[in-house]
Amino acid sequence: MDFIQNYVKPYGALRTVALTALVLLVMSNAGWAFAFWQMLQKSVEQVYVVGQDGSYPARLQDQTAPSIFEGRNHVKRFMEFMFAHDADNYDTRIEQALHLIDKAEGMSIYKDFEAHQVRDNYIKHGSRSIMICDAVELDMSLEPYQGQVWGRQRVIYKDEQKEMPISATFVLIRTRRSEANPFGLLIRQWKFIPYQKQEGGIG
């Protein structure tokens, strides 16, 4: 009996040591896994921007809500590309505008231009158009963001100028940022309306 007891005691001690080592190993692995996960999350959320003063980390803008200034600038950028051009840059500017609006809705505006022979008239009359954006109003409290824009397309001929008011309602949704779409927004539900500047904003 003494022999068995003497055998069991070292076995129990070894088992305790083994269990303790196993627990420490599991805790160590869990700690390393957590540290690796944090590092991975940090690398996903962090992007490095290269500027004149060197490189510095910046949070990926895709993860953050756009500001009202970005929303307004996105709409102004679209208005400039879609409604201001000449015979030489007509195709390029329309293509740039189509990156900022739902493709089907943008193509609908383009087809209307083609039906009215806009580029042919530029060539025929030696004319060009510029866009004057009077105001962009946005409600960015809820997504999709609601908006309205007021502007004037001025067609410049050799001896005269003609102006056409443009106003529309739309919504903005978030999408991926890119070189062609730096604000990461997309215009949808574009609807031309009579040019009437409303007091007190939209909605």
Protein backbone atom coordinates (compact mmCIF):
# COMPACT_ATOMS: atom_id res chain seq x y z
CA MET A 1 0.00 0.00 0.00
CA ASP A 2 2.86 2.37 0.86
CA PHE A 3 4.36 1.66 -2.55
CA ILE A 4 1.12 2.63 -4.30
CA GLN A 5 0.77 5.81 -2.23
CA ASN A 6 4.38 6.76 -2.93
CA TYR A 7 3.72 6.23 -6.65
CA VAL A 8 0.46 8.18 -6.71
CA LYS A 9 1.89 11.28 -5.01
CA PRO A 10 4.56 12.02 -7.68
CA TYR A 11 2.01 11.25 -10.41
CA GLY A 12 -0.42 13.76 -8.92
CA ALA A 13 2.31 16.39 -8.70
CA LEU A 14 3.31 15.78 -12.32
CA ARG A 15 -0.32 16.06 -13.41
CA THR A 16 -0.66 19.39 -11.57
CA VAL A 17 2.50 20.69 -13.23
CA ALA A 18 1.29 19.53 -16.67
CA LEU A 19 -2.14 21.12 -16.20
CA THR A 20 -0.54 24.35 -15.01
CA ALA A 21 1.77 24.40 -18.04
CA LEU A 22 -1.18 23.72 -20.34
CA VAL A 23 -3.20 26.58 -18.84
CA LEU A 24 -0.23 28.94 -19.18
CA LEU A 25 0.27 27.85 -22.78
CA VAL A 26 -3.41 28.47 -23.62
CA MET A 27 -3.30 31.89 -21.93
CA SER A 28 -0.10 32.77 -23.75
CA ASN A 29 -1.55 31.76 -27.12
CA ALA A 30 -4.73 33.72 -26.38
CA GLY A 31 -2.63 36.77 -25.54
CA TRP A 32 -0.65 36.49 -28.76
CA ALA A 33 -3.85 35.97 -30.76
CA PHE A 34 -5.43 39.07 -29.22
CA ALA A 35 -2.31 41.14 -29.90
CA PHE A 36 -2.22 39.91 -33.51
CA TRP A 37 -5.92 40.73 -33.93
CA GLN A 38 -5.35 44.27 -32.63
CA MET A 39 -2.41 44.72 -34.98
CA LEU A 40 -4.49 43.45 -37.91
CA GLN A 41 -7.36 45.79 -37.07
CA LYS A 42 -4.96 48.68 -36.82
CA SER A 43 -3.42 47.89 -40.19
CA VAL A 44 -6.86 47.68 -41.81
CA GLU A 45 -7.99 51.00 -40.35
CA GLN A 46 -4.74 52.78 -41.05
CA VAL A 47 -3.46 54.06 -44.37
CA TYR A 48 -0.29 56.04 -44.93
CA VAL A 49 -0.48 59.25 -46.95
CA VAL A 50 2.62 60.56 -48.70
CA GLY A 51 2.96 64.33 -48.81
CA GLN A 52 5.63 66.96 -49.24
CA ASP A 53 6.62 66.60 -45.59
CA GLY A 54 6.95 62.82 -45.73
CA SER A 55 4.52 60.01 -44.96
CA TYR A 56 2.03 59.99 -42.12
CA PRO A 57 -0.81 57.68 -41.04
CA ALA A 58 -4.41 58.62 -41.74
CA ARG A 59 -7.64 56.78 -41.03
CA LEU A 60 -9.27 55.31 -44.11
CA GLN A 61 -11.96 57.78 -45.14
CA ASP A 62 -14.21 54.98 -46.37
CA GLN A 63 -14.85 54.14 -42.71
CA THR A 64 -16.08 57.63 -41.78
CA ALA A 65 -19.24 59.52 -42.63
CA PRO A 66 -18.69 62.27 -45.22
CA SER A 67 -19.00 65.88 -44.09
CA ILE A 68 -21.58 68.27 -45.48
CA PHE A 69 -18.72 70.08 -47.25
CA GLU A 70 -17.74 66.88 -49.07
CA GLY A 71 -21.38 66.33 -50.01
CA ARG A 72 -21.71 69.82 -51.47
CA ASN A 73 -18.39 69.56 -53.30
CA HIS A 74 -19.43 66.21 -54.78
CA VAL A 75 -22.61 67.75 -56.22
CA LYS A 76 -20.75 70.84 -57.49
CA ARG A 77 -18.16 68.58 -59.12
CA PHE A 78 -20.93 66.65 -60.86
CA MET A 79 -22.61 69.86 -62.09
CA GLU A 80 -19.31 71.13 -63.48
CA PHE A 81 -18.55 67.94 -65.37
CA MET A 82 -22.07 67.28 -66.64
CA PHE A 83 -23.11 70.78 -67.69
CA ALA A 84 -19.87 72.64 -68.54
CA HIS A 85 -17.93 71.64 -71.63
CA ASP A 86 -16.98 72.44 -75.22
CA ALA A 87 -16.56 70.46 -78.42
CA ASP A 88 -13.09 69.21 -77.43
CA ASN A 89 -13.67 68.06 -73.85
CA TYR A 90 -17.35 67.07 -74.17
CA ASP A 91 -16.80 63.28 -74.03
CA THR A 92 -14.17 63.46 -71.28
CA ARG A 93 -16.26 65.60 -68.95
CA ILE A 94 -19.39 63.52 -69.45
CA GLU A 95 -17.38 60.39 -68.62
CA GLN A 96 -16.07 62.07 -65.46
CA ALA A 97 -19.62 63.03 -64.46
CA LEU A 98 -20.84 59.44 -64.89
CA HIS A 99 -18.55 58.32 -62.04
CA LEU A 100 -20.46 60.60 -59.65
CA ILE A 101 -24.06 59.61 -60.42
CA ASP A 102 -26.01 56.40 -60.85
CA LYS A 103 -24.90 55.23 -64.31
CA ALA A 104 -28.41 54.77 -65.74
CA GLU A 105 -29.55 58.19 -64.54
CA GLY A 106 -26.39 59.87 -65.83
CA MET A 107 -26.81 58.19 -69.22
CA SER A 108 -30.38 59.50 -69.36
CA ILE A 109 -29.05 63.09 -69.13
CA TYR A 110 -26.36 62.30 -71.72
CA LYS A 111 -28.92 60.86 -74.16
CA ASP A 112 -30.93 64.07 -73.84
CA PHE A 113 -27.78 66.03 -74.74
CA GLU A 114 -27.30 63.80 -77.77
CA ALA A 115 -30.93 64.24 -78.83
CA HIS A 116 -30.43 68.02 -78.75
CA GLN A 117 -27.08 67.72 -80.62
CA VAL A 118 -25.16 69.59 -77.95
CA ARG A 119 -21.68 68.78 -79.26
CA ASP A 120 -22.71 69.45 -82.88
CA ASN A 121 -23.96 72.87 -81.81
CA TYR A 122 -20.66 73.59 -80.07
CA ILE A 123 -18.88 72.87 -83.34
CA LYS A 124 -21.41 74.69 -85.50
CA HIS A 125 -21.49 77.89 -83.44
CA GLY A 126 -17.99 77.82 -81.96
CA SER A 127 -19.61 77.90 -78.52
CA ARG A 128 -18.96 76.47 -75.08
CA SER A 129 -20.81 76.27 -71.77
CA ILE A 130 -19.89 77.05 -68.19
CA MET A 131 -21.71 76.11 -64.99
CA ILE A 132 -22.54 78.53 -62.20
CA CYS A 133 -23.64 76.61 -59.10
CA ASP A 134 -25.75 78.95 -56.98
CA ALA A 135 -26.48 76.67 -54.02
CA VAL A 136 -26.46 73.08 -52.79
CA GLU A 137 -28.59 72.19 -49.79
CA LEU A 138 -28.23 68.84 -48.03
CA ASP A 139 -29.91 67.07 -45.16
CA MET A 140 -27.31 64.61 -43.91
CA SER A 141 -29.05 63.62 -40.70
CA LEU A 142 -30.18 60.29 -42.20
CA GLU A 143 -29.02 58.08 -45.07
CA PRO A 144 -29.61 58.31 -47.94
CA TYR A 145 -28.83 62.02 -47.72
CA GLN A 146 -31.50 64.28 -49.25
CA GLY A 147 -30.44 67.20 -51.44
CA GLN A 148 -31.34 69.94 -53.86
CA VAL A 149 -29.15 71.99 -56.17
CA TRP A 150 -29.64 75.29 -58.01
CA GLY A 151 -27.42 76.42 -60.86
CA ARG A 152 -27.21 78.18 -64.21
CA GLN A 153 -25.69 76.82 -67.39
CA ARG A 154 -24.32 79.70 -69.43
CA VAL A 155 -23.72 78.99 -73.12
CA ILE A 156 -21.14 81.38 -74.54
CA TYR A 157 -21.22 82.18 -78.25
CA LYS A 158 -18.94 84.54 -80.18
CA ASP A 159 -21.27 87.53 -79.88
CA GLU A 160 -23.73 86.61 -77.14
CA GLN A 161 -24.42 84.49 -74.08
CA LYS A 162 -27.51 82.53 -73.13
CA GLU A 163 -28.33 81.27 -69.69
CA MET A 164 -30.49 78.31 -68.66
CA PRO A 165 -31.45 77.71 -65.01
CA ILE A 166 -30.99 74.17 -63.71
CA SER A 167 -32.45 72.83 -60.49
CA ALA A 168 -32.88 69.26 -59.28
CA THR A 169 -33.58 67.13 -56.26
CA PHE A 170 -31.55 64.00 -55.52
CA VAL A 171 -30.27 61.67 -52.83
CA LEU A 172 -26.66 60.83 -52.00
CA ILE A 173 -25.49 57.38 -50.95
CA ARG A 174 -22.07 56.33 -49.75
CA THR A 175 -19.79 54.28 -51.98
CA ARG A 176 -16.08 53.53 -52.22
CA ARG A 177 -13.71 56.44 -52.68
CA SER A 178 -11.53 56.42 -55.75
CA GLU A 179 -9.52 58.80 -57.90
CA ALA A 180 -12.60 59.29 -60.09
CA ASN A 181 -14.89 59.66 -57.05
CA PRO A 182 -12.79 61.25 -54.28
CA PHE A 183 -15.68 61.96 -51.90
CA GLY A 184 -17.07 58.41 -51.97
CA LEU A 185 -20.63 59.48 -52.77
CA LEU A 186 -23.09 58.64 -55.53
CA ILE A 187 -26.04 60.70 -56.76
CA ARG A 188 -29.33 58.87 -57.20
CA GLN A 189 -32.97 59.73 -57.86
CA TRP A 190 -31.94 62.82 -59.87
CA LYS A 191 -35.04 64.80 -60.81
CA PHE A 192 -35.09 68.14 -62.63
CA ILE A 193 -37.50 70.64 -61.08
CA PRO A 194 -38.39 74.30 -61.77
CA TYR A 195 -35.74 76.71 -60.51
CA GLN A 196 -37.26 78.15 -57.35
CA LYS A 197 -34.98 78.89 -54.43
CA GLN A 198 -36.86 77.91 -51.29
CA GLU A 199 -36.31 79.70 -47.99
CA GLY A 200 -35.56 77.54 -44.96
CA GLY A 201 -33.74 74.71 -46.76
CA ILE A 202 -35.01 71.37 -47.92
CA GLY A 203 -37.30 68.82 -46.38
